[in-house]
PDB file of N, CA and C in Angstrom:
ATOM      1  N   UNK A   1       0.807  -1.217   0.176  1.00  0.00           N
ATOM      2  CA  UNK A   1       0.079   0.185   0.000  1.00  0.00           C
ATOM      3  C   UNK A   1       0.826   1.245  -0.115  1.00  0.00           C
ATOM      4  N   UNK A   2       0.428   2.378  -0.812  1.00  0.00           N
ATOM      5  CA  UNK A   2       1.431   3.380  -0.733  1.00  0.00           C
ATOM      6  C   UNK A   2       0.811   4.481   0.251  1.00  0.00           C
ATOM      7  N   UNK A   3       1.326   5.522   0.185  1.00  0.00           N
ATOM      8  CA  UNK A   3       1.111   6.339   1.364  1.00  0.00           C
ATOM      9  C   UNK A   3      -0.510   6.817   1.099  1.00  0.00           C
ATOM     10  N   UNK A   4      -0.832   7.371   0.067  1.00  0.00           N
ATOM     11  CA  UNK A   4      -2.126   7.726  -0.126  1.00  0.00           C
ATOM     12  C   UNK A   4      -3.356   6.769   0.325  1.00  0.00           C
ATOM     13  N   UNK A   5      -3.051   5.299   0.083  1.00  0.00           N
ATOM     14  CA  UNK A   5      -3.911   4.778   0.388  1.00  0.00           C
ATOM     15  C   UNK A   5      -3.966   4.619   2.054  1.00  0.00           C
ATOM     16  N   UNK A   6      -3.046   4.619   2.751  1.00  0.00           N
ATOM     17  CA  UNK A   6      -2.836   4.800   4.222  1.00  0.00           C
ATOM     18  C   UNK A   6      -3.445   5.952   4.528  1.00  0.00           C
ATOM     19  N   UNK A   7      -3.272   7.043   3.940  1.00  0.00           N
ATOM     20  CA  UNK A   7      -4.046   8.166   4.577  1.00  0.00           C
ATOM     21  C   UNK A   7      -5.652   8.307   4.419  1.00  0.00           C
ATOM     22  N   UNK A   8      -6.067   7.945   3.152  1.00  0.00           N
ATOM     23  CA  UNK A   8      -7.489   7.312   3.171  1.00  0.00           C
ATOM     24  C   UNK A   8      -7.860   6.419   4.325  1.00  0.00           C
ATOM     25  N   UNK A   9      -7.324   5.447   4.361  1.00  0.00           N
ATOM     26  CA  UNK A   9      -7.758   4.490   5.299  1.00  0.00           C
ATOM     27  C   UNK A   9      -7.907   5.069   6.855  1.00  0.00           C
ATOM     28  N   UNK A  10      -6.712   5.946   7.232  1.00  0.00           N
ATOM     29  CA  UNK A  10      -6.616   6.589   8.631  1.00  0.00           C
ATOM     30  C   UNK A  10      -7.734   7.602   8.463  1.00  0.00           C
ATOM     31  N   UNK A  11      -8.078   8.289   7.388  1.00  0.00           N
ATOM     32  CA  UNK A  11      -9.179   9.333   7.385  1.00  0.00           C
ATOM     33  C   UNK A  11     -10.391   8.569   7.626  1.00  0.00           C
ATOM     34  N   UNK A  12     -10.712   7.502   6.895  1.00  0.00           N
ATOM     35  CA  UNK A  12     -11.875   6.707   7.245  1.00  0.00           C
ATOM     36  C   UNK A  12     -12.123   6.248   8.563  1.00  0.00           C
ATOM     37  N   UNK A  13     -11.249   5.853   9.183  1.00  0.00           N
ATOM     38  CA  UNK A  13     -10.959   5.228  10.673  1.00  0.00           C
ATOM     39  C   UNK A  13     -11.329   6.409  11.567  1.00  0.00           C
ATOM     40  N   UNK A  14     -10.944   7.411  11.309  1.00  0.00           N
ATOM     41  CA  UNK A  14     -10.986   8.769  12.145  1.00  0.00           C
ATOM     42  C   UNK A  14     -12.658   9.161  11.920  1.00  0.00           C
ATOM     43  N   UNK A  15     -12.848   9.063  10.743  1.00  0.00           N
ATOM     44  CA  UNK A  15     -14.455   9.683  10.767  1.00  0.00           C
ATOM     45  C   UNK A  15     -15.250   8.538  11.139  1.00  0.00           C
ATOM     46  N   UNK A  16     -14.998   7.495  11.105  1.00  0.00           N
ATOM     47  CA  UNK A  16     -15.942   6.416  11.628  1.00  0.00           C
ATOM     48  C   UNK A  16     -15.893   6.341  13.103  1.00  0.00           C
ATOM     49  N   UNK A  17     -14.775   6.642  13.643  1.00  0.00           N
ATOM     50  CA  UNK A  17     -14.505   6.949  15.173  1.00  0.00           C
ATOM     51  C   UNK A  17     -15.472   8.358  15.635  1.00  0.00           C
ATOM     52  N   UNK A  18     -15.315   9.058  15.197  1.00  0.00           N
ATOM     53  CA  UNK A  18     -16.177  10.343  15.484  1.00  0.00           C
ATOM     54  C   UNK A  18     -17.614  10.144  15.437  1.00  0.00           C
ATOM     55  N   UNK A  19     -17.989   9.249  14.350  1.00  0.00           N
ATOM     56  CA  UNK A  19     -19.588   9.122  14.060  1.00  0.00           C
ATOM     57  C   UNK A  19     -20.184   8.406  15.410  1.00  0.00           C
ATOM     58  N   UNK A  20     -19.235   7.087  15.631  1.00  0.00           N
ATOM     59  CA  UNK A  20     -19.406   6.510  16.828  1.00  0.00           C
ATOM     60  C   UNK A  20     -19.672   7.411  18.149  1.00  0.00           C
ATOM     61  N   UNK A  21     -18.709   8.087  18.497  1.00  0.00           N
ATOM     62  CA  UNK A  21     -18.621   8.821  19.460  1.00  0.00           C
ATOM     63  C   UNK A  21     -19.932   9.888  19.714  1.00  0.00           C
ATOM     64  N   UNK A  22     -19.876  10.489  18.301  1.00  0.00           N
ATOM     65  CA  UNK A  22     -21.460  11.328  18.376  1.00  0.00           C
ATOM     66  C   UNK A  22     -22.439  10.596  18.615  1.00  0.00           C
ATOM     67  N   UNK A  23     -22.755   9.411  18.237  1.00  0.00           N
ATOM     68  CA  UNK A  23     -23.808   8.443  18.551  1.00  0.00           C
ATOM     69  C   UNK A  23     -23.921   8.487  19.963  1.00  0.00           C
ATOM     70  N   UNK A  24     -22.930   7.985  20.541  1.00  0.00           N
ATOM     71  CA  UNK A  24     -22.625   7.611  22.039  1.00  0.00           C
ATOM     72  C   UNK A  24     -23.043   9.104  22.846  1.00  0.00           C
ATOM     73  N   UNK A  25     -22.538  10.226  22.551  1.00  0.00           N
ATOM     74  CA  UNK A  25     -22.696  11.440  23.111  1.00  0.00           C
ATOM     75  C   UNK A  25     -24.308  11.626  23.272  1.00  0.00           C
ATOM     76  N   UNK A  26     -24.961  11.353  22.039  1.00  0.00           N
ATOM     77  CA  UNK A  26     -26.652  11.716  22.022  1.00  0.00           C
ATOM     78  C   UNK A  26     -27.165  10.803  23.031  1.00  0.00           C
ATOM     79  N   UNK A  27     -26.881   9.600  22.800  1.00  0.00           N
ATOM     80  CA  UNK A  27     -27.516   8.682  23.939  1.00  0.00           C
ATOM     81  C   UNK A  27     -26.970   8.936  25.380  1.00  0.00           C
ATOM     82  N   UNK A  28     -25.659   9.366  25.545  1.00  0.00           N
ATOM     83  CA  UNK A  28     -25.699  10.274  27.107  1.00  0.00           C
ATOM     84  C   UNK A  28     -26.574  11.227  27.598  1.00  0.00           C
ATOM     85  N   UNK A  29     -26.724  12.108  26.460  1.00  0.00           N
ATOM     86  CA  UNK A  29     -27.454  13.283  26.717  1.00  0.00           C
ATOM     87  C   UNK A  29     -29.026  13.035  26.828  1.00  0.00           C
ATOM     88  N   UNK A  30     -29.416  11.916  25.983  1.00  0.00           N
ATOM     89  CA  UNK A  30     -30.777  11.391  26.269  1.00  0.00           C
ATOM     90  C   UNK A  30     -30.970  10.799  27.524  1.00  0.00           C
ATOM     91  N   UNK A  31     -30.141  10.327  28.076  1.00  0.00           N
ATOM     92  CA  UNK A  31     -29.944   9.612  29.463  1.00  0.00           C
ATOM     93  C   UNK A  31     -30.011  10.534  30.397  1.00  0.00           C
ATOM     94  N   UNK A  32     -29.221  11.436  30.506  1.00  0.00           N
ATOM     95  CA  UNK A  32     -29.202  12.718  31.342  1.00  0.00           C
ATOM     96  C   UNK A  32     -30.547  13.261  31.561  1.00  0.00           C
ATOM     97  N   UNK A  33     -31.227  13.457  30.241  1.00  0.00           N
ATOM     98  CA  UNK A  33     -32.697  14.036  30.259  1.00  0.00           C
ATOM     99  C   UNK A  33     -33.583  13.303  31.100  1.00  0.00           C
ATOM    100  N   UNK A  34     -33.488  11.914  30.699  1.00  0.00           N
ATOM    101  CA  UNK A  34     -34.528  10.833  31.467  1.00  0.00           C
ATOM    102  C   UNK A  34     -34.285  10.774  32.725  1.00  0.00           C
ATOM    103  N   UNK A  35     -32.884  10.987  33.277  1.00  0.00           N
ATOM    104  CA  UNK A  35     -32.737  10.988  34.884  1.00  0.00           C
ATOM    105  C   UNK A  35     -33.278  12.459  35.492  1.00  0.00           C
ATOM    106  N   UNK A  36     -33.122  13.306  34.686  1.00  0.00           N
ATOM    107  CA  UNK A  36     -33.479  14.820  35.189  1.00  0.00           C
ATOM    108  C   UNK A  36     -35.207  14.560  35.355  1.00  0.00           C
ATOM    109  N   UNK A  37     -35.800  13.917  34.358  1.00  0.00           N
ATOM    110  CA  UNK A  37     -37.481  14.109  34.323  1.00  0.00           C
ATOM    111  C   UNK A  37     -37.706  12.982  35.071  1.00  0.00           C
ATOM    112  N   UNK A  38     -37.132  11.690  35.489  1.00  0.00           N
ATOM    113  CA  UNK A  38     -37.776  10.794  36.154  1.00  0.00           C
ATOM    114  C   UNK A  38     -37.964  10.823  37.862  1.00  0.00           C
ATOM    115  N   UNK A  39     -37.298  11.859  38.460  1.00  0.00           N
ATOM    116  CA  UNK A  39     -37.534  11.911  39.830  1.00  0.00           C
ATOM    117  C   UNK A  39     -36.372  10.811  40.525  1.00  0.00           C
ATOM    118  N   UNK A  40     -35.372  10.785  39.829  1.00  0.00           N
ATOM    119  CA  UNK A  40     -34.471   9.676  40.424  1.00  0.00           C
ATOM    120  C   UNK A  40     -33.609  10.543  41.774  1.00  0.00           C
ATOM    121  N   UNK A  41     -33.279   9.630  42.548  1.00  0.00           N
ATOM    122  CA  UNK A  41     -32.499  10.279  43.874  1.00  0.00           C
ATOM    123  C   UNK A  41     -31.437  10.902  43.365  1.00  0.00           C
ATOM    124  N   UNK A  42     -30.770  11.904  43.706  1.00  0.00           N
ATOM    125  CA  UNK A  42     -29.525  12.525  43.465  1.00  0.00           C
ATOM    126  C   UNK A  42     -28.275  11.326  43.867  1.00  0.00           C
ATOM    127  N   UNK A  43     -28.278  10.644  44.466  1.00  0.00           N
ATOM    128  CA  UNK A  43     -27.098   9.664  44.868  1.00  0.00           C
ATOM    129  C   UNK A  43     -27.279   8.553  43.699  1.00  0.00           C
ATOM    130  N   UNK A  44     -28.272   8.231  43.050  1.00  0.00           N
ATOM    131  CA  UNK A  44     -28.323   7.306  42.094  1.00  0.00           C
ATOM    132  C   UNK A  44     -27.894   8.148  40.729  1.00  0.00           C
ATOM    133  N   UNK A  45     -28.192   9.364  40.345  1.00  0.00           N
ATOM    134  CA  UNK A  45     -27.638  10.102  39.249  1.00  0.00           C
ATOM    135  C   UNK A  45     -26.266  10.578  39.329  1.00  0.00           C
ATOM    136  N   UNK A  46     -25.752  10.698  40.722  1.00  0.00           N
ATOM    137  CA  UNK A  46     -24.265  10.603  40.865  1.00  0.00           C
ATOM    138  C   UNK A  46     -23.440   9.396  40.289  1.00  0.00           C
ATOM    139  N   UNK A  47     -23.952   8.283  40.819  1.00  0.00           N
ATOM    140  CA  UNK A  47     -23.652   6.880  40.386  1.00  0.00           C
ATOM    141  C   UNK A  47     -23.480   6.652  39.107  1.00  0.00           C
ATOM    142  N   UNK A  48     -24.555   7.050  38.387  1.00  0.00           N
ATOM    143  CA  UNK A  48     -24.587   6.871  37.052  1.00  0.00           C
ATOM    144  C   UNK A  48     -23.467   7.792  36.270  1.00  0.00           C
ATOM    145  N   UNK A  49     -23.408   9.175  36.569  1.00  0.00           N
ATOM    146  CA  UNK A  49     -22.319  10.013  36.314  1.00  0.00           C
ATOM    147  C   UNK A  49     -20.882   9.279  36.582  1.00  0.00           C
ATOM    148  N   UNK A  50     -20.894   8.856  37.610  1.00  0.00           N
ATOM    149  CA  UNK A  50     -19.156   8.298  38.153  1.00  0.00           C
ATOM    150  C   UNK A  50     -19.029   7.141  36.988  1.00  0.00           C
ATOM    151  N   UNK A  51     -20.074   6.038  36.952  1.00  0.00           N
ATOM    152  CA  UNK A  51     -20.043   4.853  36.134  1.00  0.00           C
ATOM    153  C   UNK A  51     -19.468   5.741  34.556  1.00  0.00           C
ATOM    154  N   UNK A  52     -20.027   6.683  34.165  1.00  0.00           N
ATOM    155  CA  UNK A  52     -19.686   6.911  32.732  1.00  0.00           C
ATOM    156  C   UNK A  52     -18.339   7.613  32.721  1.00  0.00           C
ATOM    157  N   UNK A  53     -17.843   8.407  33.702  1.00  0.00           N
ATOM    158  CA  UNK A  53     -16.658   8.804  33.874  1.00  0.00           C
ATOM    159  C   UNK A  53     -15.500   8.010  34.034  1.00  0.00           C
ATOM    160  N   UNK A  54     -15.754   7.161  34.841  1.00  0.00           N
ATOM    161  CA  UNK A  54     -14.801   5.834  34.967  1.00  0.00           C
ATOM    162  C   UNK A  54     -14.706   5.007  33.765  1.00  0.00           C
ATOM    163  N   UNK A  55     -15.664   4.695  33.246  1.00  0.00           N
ATOM    164  CA  UNK A  55     -15.490   4.141  31.848  1.00  0.00           C
ATOM    165  C   UNK A  55     -14.714   4.696  30.690  1.00  0.00           C
ATOM    166  N   UNK A  56     -14.944   6.163  30.811  1.00  0.00           N
ATOM    167  CA  UNK A  56     -14.143   6.854  29.553  1.00  0.00           C
ATOM    168  C   UNK A  56     -12.946   6.988  30.265  1.00  0.00           C
ATOM    169  N   UNK A  57     -12.374   7.267  31.400  1.00  0.00           N
ATOM    170  CA  UNK A  57     -11.254   7.454  31.801  1.00  0.00           C
ATOM    171  C   UNK A  57     -10.128   6.505  31.619  1.00  0.00           C
ATOM    172  N   UNK A  58      -8.805   7.032  31.448  1.00  0.00           N
ATOM    173  CA  UNK A  58      -7.861   6.234  30.991  1.00  0.00           C
ATOM    174  C   UNK A  58      -7.033   5.649  32.237  1.00  0.00           C
ATOM    175  N   UNK A  59      -7.637   5.931  33.525  1.00  0.00           N
ATOM    176  CA  UNK A  59      -7.018   5.476  34.865  1.00  0.00           C
ATOM    177  C   UNK A  59      -8.138   4.188  35.164  1.00  0.00           C
ATOM    178  N   UNK A  60      -7.585   3.015  35.153  1.00  0.00           N
ATOM    179  CA  UNK A  60      -8.569   1.644  35.691  1.00  0.00           C
ATOM    180  C   UNK A  60      -7.746   1.089  36.597  1.00  0.00           C
ATOM    181  N   UNK A  61      -8.735   0.283  37.397  1.00  0.00           N
ATOM    182  CA  UNK A  61      -8.022  -0.782  38.176  1.00  0.00           C
ATOM    183  C   UNK A  61      -7.087  -1.906  37.829  1.00  0.00           C
ATOM    184  N   UNK A  62      -7.692  -2.269  36.444  1.00  0.00           N
ATOM    185  CA  UNK A  62      -7.093  -3.339  35.810  1.00  0.00           C
ATOM    186  C   UNK A  62      -6.845  -2.843  34.604  1.00  0.00           C
ATOM    187  N   UNK A  63      -5.563  -3.555  34.135  1.00  0.00           N
ATOM    188  CA  UNK A  63      -5.207  -2.863  32.705  1.00  0.00           C
ATOM    189  C   UNK A  63      -6.217  -2.976  31.407  1.00  0.00           C
ATOM    190  N   UNK A  64      -6.286  -2.388  30.646  1.00  0.00           N
ATOM    191  CA  UNK A  64      -7.337  -1.946  29.563  1.00  0.00           C
ATOM    192  C   UNK A  64      -7.900  -3.191  28.778  1.00  0.00           C
ATOM    193  N   UNK A  65      -6.897  -4.062  28.302  1.00  0.00           N
ATOM    194  CA  UNK A  65      -7.457  -5.140  27.430  1.00  0.00           C
ATOM    195  C   UNK A  65      -8.282  -5.962  28.565  1.00  0.00           C
ATOM    196  N   UNK A  66      -8.164  -5.904  30.079  1.00  0.00           N
ATOM    197  CA  UNK A  66      -9.134  -6.644  30.845  1.00  0.00           C
ATOM    198  C   UNK A  66     -10.278  -5.558  31.265  1.00  0.00           C
ATOM    199  N   UNK A  67     -11.538  -5.635  30.690  1.00  0.00           N
ATOM    200  CA  UNK A  67     -12.380  -4.766  30.953  1.00  0.00           C
ATOM    201  C   UNK A  67     -13.630  -5.078  32.057  1.00  0.00           C
ATOM    202  N   UNK A  68     -13.293  -5.946  32.892  1.00  0.00           N
ATOM    203  CA  UNK A  68     -13.914  -6.385  34.019  1.00  0.00           C
ATOM    204  C   UNK A  68     -14.129  -5.112  35.086  1.00  0.00           C
ATOM    205  N   UNK A  69     -13.448  -4.372  35.505  1.00  0.00           N
ATOM    206  CA  UNK A  69     -13.738  -3.228  36.057  1.00  0.00           C
ATOM    207  C   UNK A  69     -14.548  -2.414  35.706  1.00  0.00           C
ATOM    208  N   UNK A  70     -14.587  -2.030  34.292  1.00  0.00           N
ATOM    209  CA  UNK A  70     -15.624  -1.286  33.696  1.00  0.00           C
ATOM    210  C   UNK A  70     -16.877  -1.658  33.700  1.00  0.00           C
ATOM    211  N   UNK A  71     -17.168  -3.157  33.130  1.00  0.00           N
ATOM    212  CA  UNK A  71     -18.099  -3.720  33.263  1.00  0.00           C
ATOM    213  C   UNK A  71     -18.658  -3.720  34.704  1.00  0.00           C
ATOM    214  N   UNK A  72     -17.872  -4.136  35.966  1.00  0.00           N
ATOM    215  CA  UNK A  72     -18.680  -4.194  37.149  1.00  0.00           C
ATOM    216  C   UNK A  72     -19.179  -2.840  37.579  1.00  0.00           C
ATOM    217  N   UNK A  73     -18.189  -1.761  37.165  1.00  0.00           N
ATOM    218  CA  UNK A  73     -18.639  -0.303  37.651  1.00  0.00           C
ATOM    219  C   UNK A  73     -20.233  -0.057  37.052  1.00  0.00           C
ATOM    220  N   UNK A  74     -20.190  -0.318  35.839  1.00  0.00           N
ATOM    221  CA  UNK A  74     -21.516   0.005  35.000  1.00  0.00           C
ATOM    222  C   UNK A  74     -22.618  -0.618  35.727  1.00  0.00           C
ATOM    223  N   UNK A  75     -22.448  -2.264  35.794  1.00  0.00           N
ATOM    224  CA  UNK A  75     -23.447  -3.080  36.291  1.00  0.00           C
ATOM    225  C   UNK A  75     -23.864  -2.513  37.643  1.00  0.00           C
ATOM    226  N   UNK A  76     -22.943  -1.920  38.709  1.00  0.00           N
ATOM    227  CA  UNK A  76     -23.243  -1.678  39.980  1.00  0.00           C
ATOM    228  C   UNK A  76     -24.172  -0.169  39.556  1.00  0.00           C
ATOM    229  N   UNK A  77     -23.859   0.771  38.859  1.00  0.00           N
ATOM    230  CA  UNK A  77     -24.718   1.919  38.587  1.00  0.00           C
ATOM    231  C   UNK A  77     -26.133   1.611  37.896  1.00  0.00           C
ATOM    232  N   UNK A  78     -25.985   0.589  37.102  1.00  0.00           N
ATOM    233  CA  UNK A  78     -27.510   0.281  36.613  1.00  0.00           C
ATOM    234  C   UNK A  78     -28.257  -0.493  37.459  1.00  0.00           C
ATOM    235  N   UNK A  79     -27.758  -1.284  38.540  1.00  0.00           N
ATOM    236  CA  UNK A  79     -28.592  -1.810  39.565  1.00  0.00           C
ATOM    237  C   UNK A  79     -29.119  -0.484  40.537  1.00  0.00           C
TER     238      UNK A  79
END
């Protein structure tokens, strides 16, 4: 593959990643709106946002290839 092909492939990956991030951002904003309207206690709202921030944070209890800590935190927040 020449340089032009690599640049096109890299641009496609960047565009795809940005599209996925935009979809996830819209879903998080909708979830926030639902949390505001549902009359959910402040403790549960804070736990939800802490789980979202922890999942996106580069600092983890376990290395990144192992997502058990992220999954566990999200399950705790959803409970």
